[in-house]
Amino acid sequence: MGRDKALLEVNGQPLWRLQWTKLQAVCGEVRVCGRASQGTLFDAEQVPFESDATAGLGPLSGIARALQTARGSHVLVLAVDMPRMSERYLLRLCQTAGTARGVVPQRAGVFEALCAIYPLEILPAVLERLAGPERSLQPLIRWAVDKGLLHPVPIADSELGLFENWNAPGDLAHEDKPPAL
């Protein structure tokens, strides 16, 4: 993207605030996990912030920190660059999760690991992967599904737009469509 995606503006507000608002409506307790350099931004906004478990190791490191600091039995993860995700969909995910079992959306054999609910029981496996050379989320999710820690939920064709992910400046051209609530 060439700049911090969390600060990209949609309808006059930064992406992080858009996602924060959705998560507050669904979860109650919300915190941001990210690069340590982002901490001052969130401190200034009085938003609970946790630095990634290990700097520079990508989303798995943020998931690890979220699990390490969780106060409940599950962690709902939502990527900052998925602005079309809706509160309604997130609530449905919450209703699908079970005791010691999370839920992960899936389409065409690919898991949406950055819009998923993880049970705390997955933390040892996350930390093991974080310490090793393989930090890709897809193999971890496949392993967790096989172990019964995560339940895959198929993504309907009508829900595909919710998973739009902004990774390049050209993705902002679609900004004229308001994000879902």
N, C-alpha and C. Protein backbone atom coordinates (compact mmCIF):
# COMPACT_ATOMS: atom_id res chain seq x y z
N MET A 1 0.83 -1.19 0.00
CA MET A 1 0.00 0.00 0.00
C MET A 1 0.87 1.25 0.00
N GLY A 2 2.05 1.17 0.58
CA GLY A 2 2.94 2.31 0.60
C GLY A 2 2.74 3.23 1.81
N ARG A 3 1.75 2.94 2.63
CA ARG A 3 1.52 3.71 3.86
C ARG A 3 0.73 2.83 4.83
N ASP A 4 0.58 3.30 6.03
CA ASP A 4 -0.11 2.52 7.06
C ASP A 4 -1.59 2.40 6.69
N LYS A 5 -2.03 1.18 6.44
CA LYS A 5 -3.43 0.95 6.05
C LYS A 5 -4.41 1.37 7.14
N ALA A 6 -4.01 1.27 8.37
CA ALA A 6 -4.91 1.63 9.47
C ALA A 6 -5.34 3.09 9.39
N LEU A 7 -4.52 3.93 8.74
CA LEU A 7 -4.82 5.36 8.67
C LEU A 7 -5.54 5.77 7.40
N LEU A 8 -5.77 4.84 6.48
CA LEU A 8 -6.53 5.16 5.27
C LEU A 8 -7.93 5.60 5.67
N GLU A 9 -8.43 6.61 5.02
CA GLU A 9 -9.75 7.14 5.41
C GLU A 9 -10.86 6.62 4.51
N VAL A 10 -11.97 6.29 5.15
CA VAL A 10 -13.19 5.88 4.48
C VAL A 10 -14.31 6.70 5.11
N ASN A 11 -15.04 7.42 4.29
CA ASN A 11 -16.13 8.25 4.80
C ASN A 11 -15.67 9.16 5.94
N GLY A 12 -14.45 9.70 5.82
CA GLY A 12 -13.95 10.66 6.80
C GLY A 12 -13.39 10.08 8.08
N GLN A 13 -13.27 8.76 8.15
CA GLN A 13 -12.68 8.18 9.35
C GLN A 13 -11.63 7.14 8.96
N PRO A 14 -10.60 6.97 9.78
CA PRO A 14 -9.57 5.99 9.45
C PRO A 14 -10.12 4.56 9.53
N LEU A 15 -9.51 3.68 8.74
CA LEU A 15 -9.95 2.28 8.72
C LEU A 15 -9.96 1.66 10.12
N TRP A 16 -8.95 1.97 10.92
CA TRP A 16 -8.91 1.34 12.23
C TRP A 16 -10.16 1.70 13.04
N ARG A 17 -10.62 2.94 12.92
CA ARG A 17 -11.81 3.37 13.68
C ARG A 17 -13.06 2.64 13.17
N LEU A 18 -13.16 2.48 11.86
CA LEU A 18 -14.28 1.76 11.26
C LEU A 18 -14.35 0.33 11.83
N GLN A 19 -13.22 -0.36 11.85
CA GLN A 19 -13.19 -1.73 12.35
C GLN A 19 -13.41 -1.76 13.87
N TRP A 20 -12.84 -0.81 14.57
CA TRP A 20 -13.00 -0.71 16.02
C TRP A 20 -14.48 -0.62 16.39
N THR A 21 -15.20 0.23 15.66
CA THR A 21 -16.63 0.44 15.94
C THR A 21 -17.41 -0.85 15.73
N LYS A 22 -17.11 -1.57 14.66
CA LYS A 22 -17.80 -2.85 14.41
C LYS A 22 -17.53 -3.84 15.53
N LEU A 23 -16.26 -3.95 15.91
CA LEU A 23 -15.90 -4.91 16.95
C LEU A 23 -16.52 -4.55 18.30
N GLN A 24 -16.58 -3.26 18.62
CA GLN A 24 -17.21 -2.85 19.88
C GLN A 24 -18.68 -3.24 19.91
N ALA A 25 -19.35 -3.12 18.78
CA ALA A 25 -20.76 -3.48 18.71
C ALA A 25 -20.97 -4.98 18.91
N VAL A 26 -19.97 -5.76 18.56
CA VAL A 26 -20.10 -7.22 18.60
C VAL A 26 -19.50 -7.81 19.87
N CYS A 27 -18.38 -7.28 20.33
CA CYS A 27 -17.60 -7.94 21.38
C CYS A 27 -17.62 -7.30 22.75
N GLY A 28 -17.72 -6.01 22.81
CA GLY A 28 -17.56 -5.35 24.10
C GLY A 28 -16.13 -4.95 24.32
N GLU A 29 -15.27 -5.87 24.80
CA GLU A 29 -13.86 -5.55 25.02
C GLU A 29 -13.10 -5.70 23.70
N VAL A 30 -12.44 -4.63 23.29
CA VAL A 30 -11.71 -4.63 22.03
C VAL A 30 -10.33 -4.04 22.28
N ARG A 31 -9.34 -4.60 21.62
CA ARG A 31 -8.00 -4.02 21.65
C ARG A 31 -7.37 -4.19 20.28
N VAL A 32 -6.44 -3.31 20.00
CA VAL A 32 -5.72 -3.35 18.73
C VAL A 32 -4.39 -4.03 18.98
N CYS A 33 -4.02 -4.94 18.08
CA CYS A 33 -2.70 -5.55 18.10
C CYS A 33 -2.01 -5.15 16.80
N GLY A 34 -0.79 -4.68 16.90
CA GLY A 34 -0.08 -4.25 15.71
C GLY A 34 1.38 -3.96 15.99
N ARG A 35 2.01 -3.31 15.01
CA ARG A 35 3.42 -2.94 15.14
C ARG A 35 3.60 -1.96 16.29
N ALA A 36 4.69 -2.11 17.01
CA ALA A 36 4.98 -1.23 18.16
C ALA A 36 4.95 0.23 17.75
N SER A 37 5.37 0.53 16.53
CA SER A 37 5.41 1.92 16.06
C SER A 37 4.01 2.54 15.99
N GLN A 38 2.97 1.72 15.97
CA GLN A 38 1.60 2.24 15.93
C GLN A 38 1.08 2.59 17.33
N GLY A 39 1.78 2.18 18.34
CA GLY A 39 1.31 2.35 19.71
C GLY A 39 0.99 3.77 20.10
N THR A 40 1.80 4.74 19.67
CA THR A 40 1.55 6.13 20.05
C THR A 40 0.25 6.65 19.47
N LEU A 41 -0.08 6.22 18.26
CA LEU A 41 -1.36 6.62 17.65
C LEU A 41 -2.52 6.16 18.53
N PHE A 42 -2.52 4.91 18.92
CA PHE A 42 -3.63 4.37 19.69
C PHE A 42 -3.63 4.88 21.13
N ASP A 43 -2.46 5.11 21.68
CA ASP A 43 -2.39 5.71 23.02
C ASP A 43 -3.04 7.09 23.00
N ALA A 44 -2.75 7.87 21.94
CA ALA A 44 -3.33 9.22 21.82
C ALA A 44 -4.85 9.15 21.72
N GLU A 45 -5.36 8.09 21.14
CA GLU A 45 -6.80 7.90 20.99
C GLU A 45 -7.42 7.19 22.20
N GLN A 46 -6.61 6.85 23.18
CA GLN A 46 -7.04 6.11 24.37
C GLN A 46 -7.68 4.77 24.00
N VAL A 47 -7.04 4.11 23.07
CA VAL A 47 -7.49 2.80 22.59
C VAL A 47 -6.51 1.74 23.12
N PRO A 48 -7.00 0.70 23.79
CA PRO A 48 -6.10 -0.35 24.26
C PRO A 48 -5.30 -0.94 23.10
N PHE A 49 -4.00 -0.97 23.26
CA PHE A 49 -3.10 -1.42 22.21
C PHE A 49 -2.09 -2.41 22.76
N GLU A 50 -1.81 -3.43 21.98
CA GLU A 50 -0.79 -4.43 22.31
C GLU A 50 0.14 -4.58 21.12
N SER A 51 1.44 -4.51 21.37
CA SER A 51 2.40 -4.75 20.30
C SER A 51 2.39 -6.22 19.91
N ASP A 52 2.64 -6.48 18.63
CA ASP A 52 2.72 -7.86 18.15
C ASP A 52 3.64 -8.67 19.06
N ALA A 53 3.38 -9.97 19.16
CA ALA A 53 4.18 -10.84 20.02
C ALA A 53 5.66 -10.78 19.64
N THR A 54 5.96 -10.81 18.35
CA THR A 54 7.32 -10.71 17.85
C THR A 54 7.29 -9.77 16.66
N ALA A 55 8.03 -8.70 16.74
CA ALA A 55 8.01 -7.67 15.69
C ALA A 55 8.41 -8.22 14.33
N GLY A 56 7.70 -7.75 13.30
CA GLY A 56 8.06 -8.04 11.93
C GLY A 56 7.68 -9.42 11.42
N LEU A 57 6.87 -10.16 12.15
CA LEU A 57 6.54 -11.52 11.72
C LEU A 57 5.11 -11.67 11.22
N GLY A 58 4.47 -10.56 10.91
CA GLY A 58 3.18 -10.59 10.23
C GLY A 58 1.99 -10.88 11.12
N PRO A 59 0.87 -11.22 10.48
CA PRO A 59 -0.41 -11.40 11.19
C PRO A 59 -0.38 -12.46 12.29
N LEU A 60 0.40 -13.50 12.11
CA LEU A 60 0.46 -14.55 13.13
C LEU A 60 0.93 -13.97 14.46
N SER A 61 1.83 -13.00 14.39
CA SER A 61 2.33 -12.36 15.61
C SER A 61 1.25 -11.55 16.32
N GLY A 62 0.39 -10.89 15.55
CA GLY A 62 -0.73 -10.16 16.13
C GLY A 62 -1.75 -11.09 16.76
N ILE A 63 -2.01 -12.20 16.08
CA ILE A 63 -2.94 -13.20 16.62
C ILE A 63 -2.39 -13.77 17.93
N ALA A 64 -1.09 -14.04 17.94
CA ALA A 64 -0.46 -14.56 19.17
C ALA A 64 -0.66 -13.59 20.32
N ARG A 65 -0.39 -12.30 20.08
CA ARG A 65 -0.53 -11.31 21.16
C ARG A 65 -1.99 -11.20 21.62
N ALA A 66 -2.92 -11.23 20.67
CA ALA A 66 -4.34 -11.17 21.04
C ALA A 66 -4.72 -12.35 21.93
N LEU A 67 -4.25 -13.54 21.59
CA LEU A 67 -4.55 -14.72 22.40
C LEU A 67 -3.87 -14.64 23.77
N GLN A 68 -2.64 -14.12 23.80
CA GLN A 68 -1.90 -14.02 25.06
C GLN A 68 -2.54 -13.04 26.03
N THR A 69 -3.20 -12.02 25.52
CA THR A 69 -3.77 -10.98 26.38
C THR A 69 -5.28 -11.08 26.54
N ALA A 70 -5.88 -12.10 25.97
CA ALA A 70 -7.33 -12.26 26.02
C ALA A 70 -7.81 -12.51 27.44
N ARG A 71 -8.98 -11.98 27.73
CA ARG A 71 -9.59 -12.18 29.05
C ARG A 71 -10.73 -13.19 28.99
N GLY A 72 -11.13 -13.54 27.79
CA GLY A 72 -12.21 -14.50 27.62
C GLY A 72 -11.68 -15.82 27.06
N SER A 73 -12.59 -16.62 26.56
CA SER A 73 -12.23 -17.94 26.05
C SER A 73 -11.91 -17.94 24.55
N HIS A 74 -12.27 -16.85 23.86
CA HIS A 74 -12.08 -16.76 22.41
C HIS A 74 -11.60 -15.36 22.03
N VAL A 75 -11.01 -15.26 20.86
CA VAL A 75 -10.57 -13.97 20.31
C VAL A 75 -11.15 -13.85 18.91
N LEU A 76 -11.85 -12.75 18.66
CA LEU A 76 -12.34 -12.43 17.32
C LEU A 76 -11.30 -11.55 16.66
N VAL A 77 -10.76 -12.01 15.55
CA VAL A 77 -9.74 -11.28 14.80
C VAL A 77 -10.40 -10.68 13.57
N LEU A 78 -10.14 -9.40 13.33
CA LEU A 78 -10.63 -8.73 12.13
C LEU A 78 -9.51 -7.85 11.59
N ALA A 79 -9.10 -8.09 10.37
CA ALA A 79 -8.05 -7.30 9.73
C ALA A 79 -8.53 -5.87 9.51
N VAL A 80 -7.63 -4.93 9.66
CA VAL A 80 -7.97 -3.52 9.48
C VAL A 80 -8.31 -3.22 8.03
N ASP A 81 -7.75 -4.00 7.09
CA ASP A 81 -7.92 -3.70 5.67
C ASP A 81 -9.05 -4.49 5.01
N MET A 82 -10.06 -4.84 5.80
CA MET A 82 -11.25 -5.54 5.32
C MET A 82 -12.48 -4.68 5.62
N PRO A 83 -12.57 -3.49 5.00
CA PRO A 83 -13.57 -2.50 5.42
C PRO A 83 -15.02 -2.85 5.13
N ARG A 84 -15.28 -3.81 4.29
CA ARG A 84 -16.67 -4.12 3.95
C ARG A 84 -17.28 -5.19 4.86
N MET A 85 -16.49 -5.70 5.80
CA MET A 85 -17.02 -6.69 6.74
C MET A 85 -18.14 -6.04 7.55
N SER A 86 -19.18 -6.81 7.82
CA SER A 86 -20.35 -6.25 8.52
C SER A 86 -20.45 -6.77 9.95
N GLU A 87 -21.08 -5.99 10.78
CA GLU A 87 -21.36 -6.41 12.15
C GLU A 87 -22.24 -7.66 12.14
N ARG A 88 -23.20 -7.69 11.23
CA ARG A 88 -24.10 -8.84 11.15
C ARG A 88 -23.34 -10.14 10.91
N TYR A 89 -22.38 -10.09 9.98
CA TYR A 89 -21.60 -11.30 9.70
C TYR A 89 -20.76 -11.69 10.92
N LEU A 90 -20.14 -10.71 11.56
CA LEU A 90 -19.33 -10.99 12.74
C LEU A 90 -20.18 -11.61 13.86
N LEU A 91 -21.40 -11.11 14.03
CA LEU A 91 -22.31 -11.69 15.03
C LEU A 91 -22.64 -13.14 14.70
N ARG A 92 -22.84 -13.43 13.43
CA ARG A 92 -23.11 -14.82 13.02
C ARG A 92 -21.92 -15.71 13.33
N LEU A 93 -20.71 -15.20 13.11
CA LEU A 93 -19.52 -15.99 13.47
C LEU A 93 -19.52 -16.29 14.96
N CYS A 94 -19.82 -15.27 15.76
CA CYS A 94 -19.85 -15.45 17.22
C CYS A 94 -20.87 -16.51 17.63
N GLN A 95 -22.00 -16.52 16.98
CA GLN A 95 -23.04 -17.49 17.30
C GLN A 95 -22.66 -18.91 16.88
N THR A 96 -21.72 -19.03 15.95
CA THR A 96 -21.30 -20.34 15.44
C THR A 96 -20.18 -20.95 16.28
N ALA A 97 -19.41 -20.11 16.95
CA ALA A 97 -18.30 -20.62 17.77
C ALA A 97 -18.86 -21.41 18.94
N GLY A 98 -18.08 -22.39 19.40
CA GLY A 98 -18.50 -23.21 20.53
C GLY A 98 -17.43 -23.22 21.60
N THR A 99 -17.71 -23.92 22.67
CA THR A 99 -16.75 -24.05 23.76
C THR A 99 -15.48 -24.71 23.22
N ALA A 100 -14.35 -24.06 23.42
CA ALA A 100 -13.04 -24.57 22.98
C ALA A 100 -12.96 -24.80 21.47
N ARG A 101 -13.87 -24.18 20.74
CA ARG A 101 -13.84 -24.31 19.28
C ARG A 101 -14.16 -22.97 18.66
N GLY A 102 -13.30 -22.54 17.77
CA GLY A 102 -13.51 -21.30 17.05
C GLY A 102 -14.15 -21.55 15.70
N VAL A 103 -14.16 -20.51 14.89
CA VAL A 103 -14.79 -20.60 13.58
C VAL A 103 -14.00 -19.75 12.59
N VAL A 104 -13.89 -20.26 11.37
CA VAL A 104 -13.13 -19.56 10.33
C VAL A 104 -13.89 -19.66 9.00
N PRO A 105 -14.16 -18.53 8.37
CA PRO A 105 -14.81 -18.56 7.05
C PRO A 105 -13.87 -19.20 6.02
N GLN A 106 -14.48 -19.85 5.03
CA GLN A 106 -13.69 -20.55 4.01
C GLN A 106 -14.38 -20.45 2.66
N ARG A 107 -13.58 -20.24 1.62
CA ARG A 107 -14.09 -20.27 0.25
C ARG A 107 -13.04 -20.90 -0.65
N ALA A 108 -13.48 -21.76 -1.52
CA ALA A 108 -12.61 -22.42 -2.50
C ALA A 108 -11.34 -22.98 -1.85
N GLY A 109 -11.48 -23.57 -0.68
CA GLY A 109 -10.34 -24.18 0.00
C GLY A 109 -9.41 -23.22 0.70
N VAL A 110 -9.72 -21.93 0.70
CA VAL A 110 -8.88 -20.92 1.34
C VAL A 110 -9.62 -20.39 2.57
N PHE A 111 -8.90 -20.33 3.69
CA PHE A 111 -9.47 -19.83 4.94
C PHE A 111 -9.25 -18.34 5.06
N GLU A 112 -10.24 -17.63 5.59
CA GLU A 112 -10.14 -16.20 5.88
C GLU A 112 -9.68 -16.06 7.33
N ALA A 113 -8.39 -16.28 7.54
CA ALA A 113 -7.81 -16.33 8.88
C ALA A 113 -7.83 -15.00 9.60
N LEU A 114 -8.02 -13.89 8.87
CA LEU A 114 -8.02 -12.58 9.50
C LEU A 114 -9.42 -12.02 9.71
N CYS A 115 -10.38 -12.90 9.63
CA CYS A 115 -11.75 -12.63 10.04
C CYS A 115 -12.27 -13.94 10.62
N ALA A 116 -11.80 -14.26 11.80
CA ALA A 116 -12.07 -15.56 12.39
C ALA A 116 -12.12 -15.44 13.91
N ILE A 117 -12.66 -16.46 14.53
CA ILE A 117 -12.71 -16.53 15.98
C ILE A 117 -11.84 -17.71 16.42
N TYR A 118 -10.85 -17.40 17.25
CA TYR A 118 -9.89 -18.39 17.72
C TYR A 118 -10.13 -18.72 19.18
N PRO A 119 -10.15 -20.01 19.54
CA PRO A 119 -10.24 -20.37 20.96
C PRO A 119 -8.84 -20.25 21.58
N LEU A 120 -8.78 -19.96 22.87
CA LEU A 120 -7.48 -19.84 23.53
C LEU A 120 -6.67 -21.12 23.45
N GLU A 121 -7.33 -22.25 23.27
CA GLU A 121 -6.64 -23.54 23.19
C GLU A 121 -5.68 -23.63 22.01
N ILE A 122 -5.80 -22.73 21.05
CA ILE A 122 -4.92 -22.76 19.89
C ILE A 122 -3.59 -22.05 20.15
N LEU A 123 -3.48 -21.32 21.26
CA LEU A 123 -2.29 -20.52 21.53
C LEU A 123 -0.98 -21.31 21.47
N PRO A 124 -0.85 -22.49 22.09
CA PRO A 124 0.43 -23.20 22.00
C PRO A 124 0.86 -23.47 20.55
N ALA A 125 -0.07 -23.83 19.69
CA ALA A 125 0.26 -24.08 18.29
C ALA A 125 0.67 -22.79 17.57
N VAL A 126 0.01 -21.69 17.91
CA VAL A 126 0.36 -20.39 17.31
C VAL A 126 1.78 -20.01 17.72
N LEU A 127 2.11 -20.14 18.99
CA LEU A 127 3.44 -19.80 19.47
C LEU A 127 4.51 -20.70 18.87
N GLU A 128 4.18 -21.97 18.71
CA GLU A 128 5.13 -22.91 18.08
C GLU A 128 5.42 -22.50 16.64
N ARG A 129 4.39 -22.14 15.90
CA ARG A 129 4.58 -21.69 14.51
C ARG A 129 5.33 -20.37 14.47
N LEU A 130 5.04 -19.50 15.39
CA LEU A 130 5.69 -18.19 15.43
C LEU A 130 7.20 -18.35 15.66
N ALA A 131 7.59 -19.36 16.43
CA ALA A 131 9.01 -19.61 16.72
C ALA A 131 9.73 -20.33 15.59
N GLY A 132 8.97 -20.92 14.67
CA GLY A 132 9.58 -21.68 13.59
C GLY A 132 9.62 -20.93 12.27
N PRO A 133 10.04 -21.61 11.22
CA PRO A 133 10.17 -20.95 9.92
C PRO A 133 8.86 -20.82 9.15
N GLU A 134 7.85 -21.61 9.49
CA GLU A 134 6.57 -21.61 8.76
C GLU A 134 5.54 -20.78 9.52
N ARG A 135 5.29 -19.55 9.02
CA ARG A 135 4.35 -18.66 9.70
C ARG A 135 3.09 -18.40 8.89
N SER A 136 2.92 -19.16 7.84
CA SER A 136 1.72 -19.01 7.02
C SER A 136 0.50 -19.45 7.84
N LEU A 137 -0.56 -18.69 7.72
CA LEU A 137 -1.77 -19.00 8.48
C LEU A 137 -2.54 -20.19 7.91
N GLN A 138 -2.49 -20.41 6.61
CA GLN A 138 -3.29 -21.48 6.01
C GLN A 138 -2.96 -22.86 6.59
N PRO A 139 -1.67 -23.27 6.68
CA PRO A 139 -1.39 -24.58 7.29
C PRO A 139 -1.81 -24.67 8.76
N LEU A 140 -1.64 -23.57 9.48
CA LEU A 140 -2.07 -23.56 10.88
C LEU A 140 -3.57 -23.77 10.98
N ILE A 141 -4.32 -23.07 10.16
CA ILE A 141 -5.78 -23.20 10.19
C ILE A 141 -6.20 -24.61 9.79
N ARG A 142 -5.57 -25.16 8.76
CA ARG A 142 -5.89 -26.54 8.34
C ARG A 142 -5.66 -27.51 9.50
N TRP A 143 -4.52 -27.35 10.19
CA TRP A 143 -4.20 -28.19 11.34
C TRP A 143 -5.29 -28.03 12.42
N ALA A 144 -5.68 -26.79 12.71
CA ALA A 144 -6.68 -26.53 13.75
C ALA A 144 -8.04 -27.09 13.38
N VAL A 145 -8.39 -27.04 12.11
CA VAL A 145 -9.65 -27.64 11.65
C VAL A 145 -9.58 -29.15 11.85
N ASP A 146 -8.47 -29.77 11.45
CA ASP A 146 -8.31 -31.22 11.61
C ASP A 146 -8.36 -31.64 13.07
N LYS A 147 -7.88 -30.79 13.98
CA LYS A 147 -7.88 -31.09 15.42
C LYS A 147 -9.20 -30.73 16.10
N GLY A 148 -10.12 -30.12 15.37
CA GLY A 148 -11.41 -29.74 15.94
C GLY A 148 -11.38 -28.43 16.72
N LEU A 149 -10.29 -27.67 16.61
CA LEU A 149 -10.20 -26.38 17.30
C LEU A 149 -10.91 -25.27 16.54
N LEU A 150 -11.02 -25.43 15.23
CA LEU A 150 -11.72 -24.46 14.39
C LEU A 150 -12.73 -25.18 13.51
N HIS A 151 -13.85 -24.53 13.32
CA HIS A 151 -14.91 -25.06 12.46
C HIS A 151 -14.99 -24.17 11.22
N PRO A 152 -14.79 -24.74 10.03
CA PRO A 152 -14.90 -23.91 8.82
C PRO A 152 -16.35 -23.62 8.48
N VAL A 153 -16.60 -22.38 8.07
CA VAL A 153 -17.93 -21.95 7.66
C VAL A 153 -17.84 -21.50 6.21
N PRO A 154 -18.61 -22.11 5.32
CA PRO A 154 -18.54 -21.70 3.92
C PRO A 154 -19.01 -20.26 3.72
N ILE A 155 -18.32 -19.55 2.84
CA ILE A 155 -18.70 -18.18 2.49
C ILE A 155 -19.62 -18.26 1.28
N ALA A 156 -20.83 -17.75 1.43
CA ALA A 156 -21.79 -17.73 0.32
C ALA A 156 -21.36 -16.70 -0.72
N ASP A 157 -21.76 -16.92 -1.96
CA ASP A 157 -21.44 -15.97 -3.03
C ASP A 157 -21.88 -14.56 -2.66
N SER A 158 -23.03 -14.45 -2.01
CA SER A 158 -23.55 -13.13 -1.63
C SER A 158 -22.71 -12.45 -0.55
N GLU A 159 -21.82 -13.20 0.11
CA GLU A 159 -20.99 -12.66 1.18
C GLU A 159 -19.56 -12.32 0.73
N LEU A 160 -19.22 -12.65 -0.50
CA LEU A 160 -17.85 -12.45 -0.96
C LEU A 160 -17.37 -11.02 -0.82
N GLY A 161 -18.23 -10.04 -1.07
CA GLY A 161 -17.84 -8.64 -0.97
C GLY A 161 -17.40 -8.23 0.42
N LEU A 162 -17.90 -8.93 1.44
CA LEU A 162 -17.51 -8.61 2.82
C LEU A 162 -16.02 -8.83 3.05
N PHE A 163 -15.43 -9.70 2.26
CA PHE A 163 -14.03 -10.09 2.44
C PHE A 163 -13.08 -9.32 1.53
N GLU A 164 -13.59 -8.26 0.88
CA GLU A 164 -12.72 -7.41 0.07
C GLU A 164 -11.58 -6.91 0.94
N ASN A 165 -10.38 -7.04 0.43
CA ASN A 165 -9.18 -6.71 1.19
C ASN A 165 -8.41 -5.64 0.44
N TRP A 166 -8.07 -4.55 1.13
CA TRP A 166 -7.35 -3.44 0.50
C TRP A 166 -5.86 -3.60 0.72
N ASN A 167 -5.14 -3.91 -0.34
CA ASN A 167 -3.69 -4.10 -0.25
C ASN A 167 -2.87 -3.20 -1.15
N ALA A 168 -3.52 -2.51 -2.07
CA ALA A 168 -2.81 -1.65 -3.02
C ALA A 168 -3.60 -0.36 -3.21
N PRO A 169 -2.92 0.73 -3.60
CA PRO A 169 -3.63 2.00 -3.78
C PRO A 169 -4.84 1.89 -4.71
N GLY A 170 -4.79 1.05 -5.71
CA GLY A 170 -5.92 0.88 -6.63
C GLY A 170 -7.17 0.33 -5.96
N ASP A 171 -7.01 -0.34 -4.85
CA ASP A 171 -8.17 -0.89 -4.14
C ASP A 171 -9.05 0.22 -3.58
N LEU A 172 -8.47 1.39 -3.34
CA LEU A 172 -9.22 2.51 -2.80
C LEU A 172 -10.19 3.08 -3.81
N ALA A 173 -10.04 2.72 -5.07
CA ALA A 173 -10.95 3.22 -6.11
C ALA A 173 -12.37 2.75 -5.86
N HIS A 174 -12.53 1.69 -5.10
CA HIS A 174 -13.86 1.16 -4.79
C HIS A 174 -14.46 1.83 -3.56
N GLU A 175 -13.80 2.85 -3.07
CA GLU A 175 -14.21 3.50 -1.83
C GLU A 175 -15.60 4.12 -1.93
N ASP A 176 -16.07 4.37 -3.14
CA ASP A 176 -17.38 5.01 -3.30
C ASP A 176 -18.52 4.14 -2.79
N LYS A 177 -18.27 2.83 -2.66
CA LYS A 177 -19.28 1.94 -2.07
C LYS A 177 -19.09 2.02 -0.55
N PRO A 178 -20.11 2.40 0.20
CA PRO A 178 -19.93 2.50 1.64
C PRO A 178 -19.72 1.12 2.25
N PRO A 179 -18.87 1.05 3.28
CA PRO A 179 -18.67 -0.23 3.97
C PRO A 179 -19.98 -0.69 4.62
N ALA A 180 -20.11 -1.99 4.75
CA ALA A 180 -21.30 -2.57 5.37
C ALA A 180 -21.29 -2.32 6.87
N LEU A 181 -22.47 -2.28 7.46
CA LEU A 181 -22.59 -2.22 8.92
C LEU A 181 -23.25 -3.49 9.35
